[in-house]
Amino acid sequence: MLTILTAPIRALIGFITLVTMIISAILLYLVINNESKRKALIEVCQRRLCSILLRCFNVEIHYVGAPNPDAKMLMANHISWLDALLFMPAPKLRFIAKSEVKNWPIIGLLAQLLGTVFIRRENKFQVYRSLPNAQRHIREGDNLVIFPEGTTTTGEGVLPFRPMMFEVAIREKCLVQPVAVRYWNHHKTISAATPFIGDDGIFMSIMKLLFERKTYAHVHFLPALDPTELDRKQMANVSQQSIAQALKQPYAPQNNAREGVTCGHQQIQS
């Protein structure tokens, strides 16, 4: 009952936070001329935005394992637009998403505020042409989060990983770390409200999450892969298999999960 009564209030808080973030980003671009200082402040705003939105949706994150500081690319399974919020505490993070997402209501705006890199995925040639852009972000010190399934699932399994984006790791000689993402409800069973699939619209998805009593998000960092030992297809297969195996594990009690883990030189906090 309390969840139902507070849902409109939490929705309002989330909306106000989103609008405030937009205004803040505009002001930072207008007022601050120093590019590095501007980026640092925007990252602070991004992390604050994600933290408030996760609280509005009653999402509690548990990080299992640790990010490899040498892994510049994180390859994760994709369940919901909510996935992006789980990674934002990490520094200098950029998401790779298909260009259509940019035009989606609310999600497109949120993706842009989170610094998403949009690429065209109509065919392999278009993806191949986007590789230099992804490489540029790695050379500038950014870390990339990629969802190689190319679409969302219920989180109970993994679709085949598309190998093309793994080519970036080979070219830049940087480690790739698979990450398994999974959501549970307050009954400690797989969440049915979180997946953004089928004919679900963004507003229906938001309503489902707002009326969910509690959502537990588990982010499981798996062993990193060395691109000097595997080709892109092998890395895609190993990443897919390791994530699929992690998704088979039962719900882990809170005291078996780590709520804060080191990422680079900063701390990820739930």
Protein backbone atom coordinates (compact mmCIF):
# COMPACT_ATOMS: atom_id res chain seq x y z
CA MET A 1 0.00 0.00 0.00
CA LEU A 2 2.81 2.43 0.91
CA THR A 3 4.48 1.75 -2.47
CA ILE A 4 1.26 2.67 -4.30
CA LEU A 5 0.75 5.84 -2.25
CA THR A 6 4.31 7.10 -2.74
CA ALA A 7 4.57 6.24 -6.47
CA PRO A 8 3.25 9.65 -7.71
CA ILE A 9 5.60 11.49 -5.35
CA ARG A 10 8.60 9.46 -6.48
CA ALA A 11 7.62 10.01 -10.12
CA LEU A 12 7.47 13.77 -9.52
CA ILE A 13 10.87 13.74 -7.80
CA GLY A 14 12.34 11.83 -10.75
CA PHE A 15 10.87 14.28 -13.25
CA ILE A 16 12.14 17.31 -11.32
CA THR A 17 15.59 15.68 -11.08
CA LEU A 18 15.67 15.08 -14.84
CA VAL A 19 14.68 18.68 -15.62
CA THR A 20 17.23 19.99 -13.12
CA MET A 21 19.95 17.89 -14.77
CA ILE A 22 19.08 19.32 -18.19
CA ILE A 23 19.21 22.90 -16.91
CA SER A 24 22.47 22.22 -15.05
CA ALA A 25 24.11 20.73 -18.16
CA ILE A 26 23.10 23.78 -20.23
CA LEU A 27 24.42 26.20 -17.61
CA LEU A 28 27.71 24.32 -17.31
CA TYR A 29 28.26 24.56 -21.06
CA LEU A 30 27.47 28.28 -21.05
CA VAL A 31 29.39 29.29 -17.93
CA ILE A 32 32.49 27.05 -17.82
CA ASN A 33 35.01 27.41 -20.64
CA ASN A 34 37.53 24.84 -19.39
CA GLU A 35 36.62 21.57 -21.16
CA SER A 36 38.14 19.18 -18.60
CA LYS A 37 36.55 21.02 -15.66
CA ARG A 38 33.21 21.07 -17.49
CA LYS A 39 33.37 17.30 -18.11
CA ALA A 40 34.25 16.61 -14.47
CA LEU A 41 31.28 18.63 -13.20
CA ILE A 42 28.90 17.03 -15.70
CA GLU A 43 30.06 13.59 -14.50
CA VAL A 44 29.20 14.61 -10.94
CA CYS A 45 25.74 15.68 -12.11
CA GLN A 46 25.32 12.40 -14.02
CA ARG A 47 26.15 10.32 -10.95
CA ARG A 48 23.80 12.39 -8.79
CA LEU A 49 21.03 12.00 -11.37
CA CYS A 50 21.44 8.22 -11.46
CA SER A 51 21.52 7.95 -7.68
CA ILE A 52 18.27 9.89 -7.27
CA LEU A 53 16.49 8.03 -10.09
CA LEU A 54 17.45 4.66 -8.62
CA ARG A 55 16.05 5.73 -5.25
CA CYS A 56 12.84 6.90 -6.94
CA PHE A 57 12.40 3.43 -8.43
CA ASN A 58 13.32 1.64 -5.18
CA VAL A 59 16.31 -0.04 -6.81
CA GLU A 60 19.03 -1.40 -4.54
CA ILE A 61 22.28 -2.36 -6.29
CA HIS A 62 24.69 -5.08 -5.22
CA TYR A 63 28.04 -5.30 -7.00
CA VAL A 64 29.58 -8.77 -7.05
CA GLY A 65 33.25 -9.12 -7.89
CA ALA A 66 35.39 -6.18 -8.96
CA PRO A 67 35.93 -4.21 -12.16
CA ASN A 68 39.37 -4.77 -13.66
CA PRO A 69 41.09 -1.35 -13.72
CA ASP A 70 42.80 -2.27 -17.01
CA ALA A 71 39.53 -3.21 -18.74
CA LYS A 72 38.42 -0.29 -20.87
CA MET A 73 35.41 -2.14 -22.29
CA LEU A 74 32.58 -3.71 -20.30
CA MET A 75 30.35 -6.16 -22.20
CA ALA A 76 27.01 -6.71 -20.46
CA ASN A 77 23.72 -8.46 -21.11
CA HIS A 78 20.84 -6.05 -21.70
CA ILE A 79 17.51 -6.14 -19.86
CA SER A 80 16.23 -2.60 -19.51
CA TRP A 81 16.94 1.10 -20.00
CA LEU A 82 17.60 0.91 -16.25
CA ASP A 83 20.87 -0.94 -16.96
CA ALA A 84 22.69 2.29 -17.75
CA LEU A 85 22.01 3.71 -14.29
CA LEU A 86 23.76 0.75 -12.66
CA PHE A 87 27.13 1.59 -14.24
CA MET A 88 27.15 5.35 -13.92
CA PRO A 89 29.03 5.52 -10.59
CA ALA A 90 32.13 4.40 -12.55
CA PRO A 91 34.32 7.29 -13.77
CA LYS A 92 34.58 8.45 -17.40
CA LEU A 93 31.95 6.05 -18.65
CA ARG A 94 30.36 6.07 -22.09
CA PHE A 95 27.64 3.77 -23.40
CA ILE A 96 27.41 2.48 -26.95
CA ALA A 97 23.82 2.41 -28.24
CA LYS A 98 22.05 2.15 -31.59
CA SER A 99 21.24 5.52 -33.15
CA GLU A 100 17.44 4.97 -32.95
CA VAL A 101 17.61 5.25 -29.15
CA LYS A 102 18.45 8.93 -29.51
CA ASN A 103 14.92 9.64 -30.76
CA TRP A 104 13.05 7.59 -28.14
CA PRO A 105 10.93 9.64 -25.70
CA ILE A 106 12.56 10.15 -22.27
CA ILE A 107 15.07 7.32 -22.81
CA GLY A 108 16.75 9.17 -25.67
CA LEU A 109 17.11 12.29 -23.55
CA LEU A 110 18.39 10.29 -20.60
CA ALA A 111 20.89 8.48 -22.85
CA GLN A 112 22.25 11.79 -24.12
CA LEU A 113 22.57 13.16 -20.59
CA LEU A 114 24.58 10.05 -19.65
CA GLY A 115 27.05 10.69 -22.48
CA THR A 116 25.98 7.82 -24.75
CA VAL A 117 27.83 7.27 -28.03
CA PHE A 118 25.28 6.52 -30.75
CA ILE A 119 26.16 4.27 -33.68
CA ARG A 120 24.23 3.02 -36.71
CA ARG A 121 23.52 -0.71 -36.61
CA GLU A 122 21.56 -1.23 -39.82
CA ASN A 123 24.24 -3.62 -41.03
CA LYS A 124 27.77 -4.82 -40.26
CA PHE A 125 29.29 -2.20 -42.56
CA GLN A 126 27.70 0.64 -40.57
CA VAL A 127 28.93 -0.84 -37.29
CA TYR A 128 32.42 -1.28 -38.77
CA ARG A 129 32.48 2.40 -39.77
CA SER A 130 31.67 3.36 -36.15
CA LEU A 131 34.71 1.59 -34.68
CA PRO A 132 37.11 4.59 -35.00
CA ASN A 133 34.68 6.71 -32.96
CA ALA A 134 34.68 4.12 -30.17
CA GLN A 135 38.49 3.90 -30.37
CA ARG A 136 38.75 7.68 -30.02
CA HIS A 137 36.83 7.60 -26.74
CA ILE A 138 39.16 4.93 -25.34
CA ARG A 139 42.22 6.96 -26.35
CA GLU A 140 40.71 9.98 -24.58
CA GLY A 141 40.51 7.94 -21.38
CA ASP A 142 36.85 6.93 -21.45
CA ASN A 143 35.56 3.47 -20.49
CA LEU A 144 32.93 1.92 -22.77
CA VAL A 145 29.87 -0.11 -21.79
CA ILE A 146 28.47 -2.17 -24.66
CA PHE A 147 25.41 -4.41 -24.87
CA PRO A 148 26.48 -6.84 -27.63
CA GLU A 149 23.13 -8.66 -27.77
CA GLY A 150 21.81 -5.65 -29.65
CA THR A 151 18.44 -5.84 -27.89
CA THR A 152 16.87 -6.49 -24.48
CA THR A 153 15.82 -9.78 -22.88
CA THR A 154 14.05 -10.93 -19.71
CA GLY A 155 17.45 -11.57 -18.09
CA GLU A 156 16.84 -15.29 -17.71
CA GLY A 157 19.23 -16.06 -20.55
CA VAL A 158 21.55 -14.44 -23.08
CA LEU A 159 21.15 -13.92 -26.82
CA PRO A 160 24.15 -14.43 -29.16
CA PHE A 161 26.72 -11.66 -28.81
CA ARG A 162 27.56 -9.68 -31.94
CA PRO A 163 31.36 -9.74 -32.27
CA MET A 164 32.04 -6.56 -34.29
CA MET A 165 32.50 -4.15 -31.35
CA PHE A 166 35.07 -6.51 -29.81
CA GLU A 167 37.33 -5.41 -32.67
CA VAL A 168 37.85 -2.13 -30.78
CA ALA A 169 39.60 -4.02 -27.96
CA ILE A 170 41.89 -5.77 -30.45
CA ARG A 171 42.84 -2.49 -32.14
CA GLU A 172 43.41 -0.65 -28.87
CA LYS A 173 44.90 -3.67 -27.05
CA CYS A 174 42.67 -3.16 -24.01
CA LEU A 175 41.09 -5.81 -21.80
CA VAL A 176 37.40 -6.67 -22.11
CA GLN A 177 35.39 -7.52 -19.00
CA PRO A 178 32.06 -9.37 -19.23
CA VAL A 179 29.40 -8.20 -16.77
CA ALA A 180 26.23 -10.09 -15.86
CA VAL A 181 23.20 -7.96 -14.96
CA ARG A 182 20.12 -9.36 -13.26
CA TYR A 183 17.09 -7.96 -11.43
CA TRP A 184 15.12 -9.54 -8.60
CA ASN A 185 11.84 -8.46 -6.97
CA HIS A 186 11.07 -8.31 -3.24
CA HIS A 187 10.17 -12.01 -3.30
CA LYS A 188 13.77 -12.72 -4.43
CA THR A 189 12.55 -14.08 -7.77
CA ILE A 190 13.40 -12.76 -11.24
CA SER A 191 11.75 -9.37 -11.70
CA ALA A 192 8.98 -9.29 -14.29
CA ALA A 193 8.57 -5.51 -14.02
CA THR A 194 12.11 -4.57 -15.07
CA PRO A 195 12.58 -6.01 -18.61
CA PHE A 196 11.93 -3.48 -21.36
CA ILE A 197 10.82 -5.85 -24.11
CA GLY A 198 8.07 -6.59 -26.62
CA ASP A 199 5.39 -3.93 -26.98
CA ASP A 200 6.24 -2.20 -23.71
CA GLY A 201 6.34 1.57 -23.98
CA ILE A 202 8.57 3.72 -21.81
CA PHE A 203 5.64 5.10 -19.79
CA MET A 204 4.30 1.62 -19.04
CA SER A 205 7.82 0.51 -18.08
CA ILE A 206 8.19 3.45 -15.70
CA MET A 207 4.81 2.73 -14.10
CA LYS A 208 5.70 -0.93 -13.56
CA LEU A 209 8.91 0.02 -11.77
CA LEU A 210 7.27 2.72 -9.66
CA PHE A 211 4.67 0.27 -8.34
CA GLU A 212 7.24 -2.48 -7.65
CA ARG A 213 7.81 -2.71 -3.89
CA LYS A 214 11.55 -3.31 -4.22
CA THR A 215 13.98 -4.17 -7.02
CA TYR A 216 17.39 -5.70 -6.35
CA ALA A 217 19.92 -5.22 -9.13
CA HIS A 218 22.93 -7.54 -9.16
CA VAL A 219 25.92 -6.49 -11.24
CA HIS A 220 28.41 -9.36 -11.47
CA PHE A 221 31.91 -8.51 -12.76
CA LEU A 222 33.49 -11.56 -14.42
CA PRO A 223 37.14 -12.32 -15.34
CA ALA A 224 38.54 -9.99 -17.99
CA LEU A 225 39.57 -11.21 -21.45
CA ASP A 226 42.87 -10.43 -23.17
CA PRO A 227 42.48 -9.41 -26.86
CA THR A 228 46.03 -10.59 -27.60
CA GLU A 229 44.95 -14.17 -26.83
CA LEU A 230 41.51 -14.25 -28.49
CA ASP A 231 40.00 -12.93 -31.70
CA ARG A 232 36.78 -10.93 -31.67
CA LYS A 233 34.50 -13.93 -32.29
CA GLN A 234 36.18 -15.91 -29.52
CA MET A 235 35.85 -12.99 -27.10
CA ALA A 236 32.16 -12.64 -27.99
CA ASN A 237 31.55 -16.35 -27.38
CA VAL A 238 33.48 -16.48 -24.10
CA SER A 239 31.73 -13.33 -22.84
CA GLN A 240 28.33 -14.72 -23.75
CA GLN A 241 29.00 -18.07 -22.10
CA SER A 242 30.42 -16.62 -18.88
CA ILE A 243 27.45 -14.25 -18.49
CA ALA A 244 24.98 -17.04 -19.25
CA GLN A 245 26.60 -19.15 -16.55
CA ALA A 246 26.41 -16.29 -14.02
CA LEU A 247 22.71 -15.79 -14.76
CA LYS A 248 22.01 -19.38 -13.70
CA GLN A 249 23.11 -18.69 -10.14
CA PRO A 250 20.36 -18.31 -7.51
CA TYR A 251 19.68 -15.11 -5.63
CA ALA A 252 22.67 -14.15 -3.46
CA PRO A 253 21.81 -12.86 0.04
CA GLN A 254 22.79 -9.26 0.70
CA ASN A 255 25.71 -10.15 2.95
CA ASN A 256 27.24 -12.18 0.09
CA ALA A 257 27.24 -9.21 -2.27
CA ARG A 258 29.52 -6.19 -2.14
CA GLU A 259 27.79 -2.83 -2.09
CA GLY A 260 30.97 -0.95 -2.97
CA VAL A 261 33.80 -2.01 -5.25
CA THR A 262 36.81 -0.22 -6.67
CA CYS A 263 36.63 0.92 -10.27
CA GLY A 264 39.88 2.43 -11.49
CA HIS A 265 40.89 4.90 -8.80
CA GLN A 266 37.34 5.59 -7.63
CA GLN A 267 34.71 3.74 -5.66
CA ILE A 268 31.41 2.40 -6.95
CA GLN A 269 28.76 2.78 -4.30
CA SER A 270 25.23 1.39 -4.29
